[in-house]
Protein backbone atom coordinates (compact mmCIF):
# COMPACT_ATOMS: atom_id res chain seq x y z
CA MET A 1 127.22 92.93 161.72
CA SER A 2 124.41 90.75 160.45
CA ARG A 3 125.29 88.62 157.45
CA ALA A 4 121.99 89.40 155.72
CA SER A 5 121.24 93.09 155.41
CA ASN A 6 117.93 94.85 155.95
CA ASP A 7 118.99 97.25 153.19
CA VAL A 8 119.35 94.34 150.78
CA GLU A 9 116.09 92.77 151.96
CA SER A 10 114.27 96.07 151.25
CA PHE A 11 116.05 96.48 147.93
CA LEU A 12 115.08 92.97 146.80
CA ALA A 13 111.50 93.31 148.04
CA SER A 14 110.99 96.28 145.71
CA LEU A 15 113.10 94.89 142.83
CA LYS A 16 111.23 94.26 139.61
CA HIS A 17 113.60 92.18 137.51
CA PRO A 18 112.95 89.34 135.04
CA ALA A 19 115.65 87.22 136.73
CA LYS A 20 114.60 87.88 140.34
CA GLN A 21 114.42 84.18 141.21
CA GLU A 22 117.95 83.69 139.89
CA ILE A 23 119.16 86.71 141.87
CA LEU A 24 117.64 85.28 145.06
CA ALA A 25 119.19 81.86 144.42
CA LEU A 26 122.65 83.33 143.81
CA ARG A 27 122.36 85.53 146.90
CA LYS A 28 121.67 82.47 149.02
CA ILE A 29 124.68 80.65 147.54
CA ILE A 30 127.04 83.58 148.08
CA LEU A 31 125.92 84.20 151.66
CA GLY A 32 126.33 80.49 152.37
CA VAL A 33 129.86 80.17 150.96
CA ASP A 34 131.55 81.37 154.17
CA ARG A 35 130.38 82.57 157.59
CA ALA A 36 132.44 85.75 157.14
CA VAL A 37 130.37 86.88 154.12
CA SER A 38 127.99 89.80 154.66
CA GLU A 39 126.07 91.95 152.21
CA GLY A 40 125.11 95.52 151.45
CA ILE A 41 124.18 97.74 148.53
CA LYS A 42 126.96 98.91 146.20
CA TRP A 43 126.59 100.31 142.68
CA ASN A 44 122.80 100.17 143.22
CA ALA A 45 122.87 96.37 143.55
CA PRO A 46 123.40 93.71 146.21
CA SER A 47 127.11 93.35 146.97
CA PHE A 48 128.99 90.91 149.19
CA PHE A 49 132.02 91.39 151.39
CA THR A 50 134.29 89.95 154.05
CA SER A 51 137.04 92.45 154.89
CA GLU A 52 136.48 94.03 151.41
CA HIS A 53 133.74 93.79 148.80
CA PHE A 54 134.37 90.89 146.45
CA ALA A 55 131.14 90.26 144.49
CA THR A 56 128.41 92.54 143.17
CA PHE A 57 125.37 91.82 141.01
CA GLN A 58 125.29 93.41 137.55
CA LEU A 59 121.52 93.91 137.26
CA ARG A 60 121.53 95.61 133.84
CA HIS A 61 122.72 92.49 132.00
CA LYS A 62 120.19 91.09 129.52
CA GLY A 63 119.70 87.36 129.18
CA GLY A 64 120.47 86.14 132.68
CA VAL A 65 122.28 87.36 135.74
CA GLN A 66 125.88 88.47 136.10
CA ILE A 67 128.05 88.58 139.19
CA ILE A 68 131.09 90.84 139.05
CA LEU A 69 133.94 89.43 141.11
CA HIS A 70 136.38 92.12 142.21
CA MET A 71 139.03 92.77 144.85
CA GLY A 72 137.48 95.59 146.82
CA VAL A 73 136.72 99.19 146.09
CA LYS A 74 139.89 100.11 144.20
CA PRO A 75 141.58 98.23 141.35
CA ARG A 76 144.44 95.98 142.46
CA PRO A 77 146.49 95.25 139.36
CA ASP A 78 149.17 93.71 141.58
CA VAL A 79 146.80 90.81 142.34
CA LYS A 80 147.12 88.07 139.75
CA ALA A 81 143.95 86.13 140.54
CA HIS A 82 143.52 85.18 136.87
CA SER A 83 146.64 83.04 136.99
CA THR A 84 145.87 81.42 140.35
CA ILE A 85 142.15 80.65 140.58
CA ASP A 86 141.23 77.15 139.48
CA ASP A 87 138.31 77.48 137.05
CA PRO A 88 137.94 74.11 135.26
CA GLU A 89 134.45 74.98 133.97
CA SER A 90 135.66 78.30 132.51
CA MET A 91 133.02 80.25 134.41
CA LEU A 92 135.12 83.37 134.71
CA GLU A 93 135.23 85.98 131.98
CA TRP A 94 138.31 87.98 132.95
CA LYS A 95 138.06 91.76 132.57
CA SER A 96 141.42 92.50 134.24
CA ALA A 97 143.91 90.76 136.53
CA ASP A 98 141.68 91.49 139.54
CA ARG A 99 138.15 91.46 138.06
CA ALA A 100 136.00 88.82 136.38
CA VAL A 101 132.36 88.25 135.51
CA VAL A 102 130.28 85.10 135.94
CA THR A 103 127.05 84.84 133.94
CA PHE A 104 124.16 82.51 134.68
CA SER A 105 121.33 82.08 132.18
CA ASN A 106 118.62 80.61 134.44
CA LEU A 107 117.91 78.61 137.61
CA GLN A 108 118.92 75.34 135.95
CA ASP A 109 122.27 76.85 134.98
CA ILE A 110 122.79 78.02 138.56
CA GLU A 111 122.01 74.59 139.94
CA ALA A 112 124.21 72.81 137.40
CA ARG A 113 127.24 75.04 138.12
CA LYS A 114 126.64 75.69 141.82
CA ARG A 115 129.53 73.52 143.06
CA ALA A 116 132.01 75.07 140.65
CA PHE A 117 130.77 78.58 141.55
CA VAL A 118 131.21 77.93 145.28
CA LYS A 119 134.74 76.64 144.62
CA VAL A 120 135.59 79.79 142.65
CA LEU A 121 134.07 82.04 145.32
CA ARG A 122 136.08 80.42 148.11
CA GLN A 123 139.28 80.93 146.14
CA TRP A 124 138.30 84.51 145.32
CA ILE A 125 137.61 85.35 148.97
CA ALA A 126 141.10 84.13 149.85
CA PHE A 127 142.51 86.98 147.70
CA VAL A 128 140.39 89.65 149.36
């Protein structure tokens, strides 16, 4: 399967969103984090997966862009990612033991926290 998806390309081409540049920048980062990462559309937004989906854009958020980090399609309360993932910049807003949200306000914020985000993503993928 191709890492970049024609479905996502079409979706993004028609997307009218105030944070489109930020969405495109984050997409590039996520696809570049590991060769095993591919993408598709889930919950009417770009979503990323290896063996399971692990990150999906939350496009309805006002004031920036959110990425929902999750452990696949179904909740996995047995996974204790919140107690294992190293997050020294406190990027993760934990919603449950297996789900967190990362919010970026603008392109400068993405660039400033890119290294930390990549580190978190690599750890997250290890759980999936």
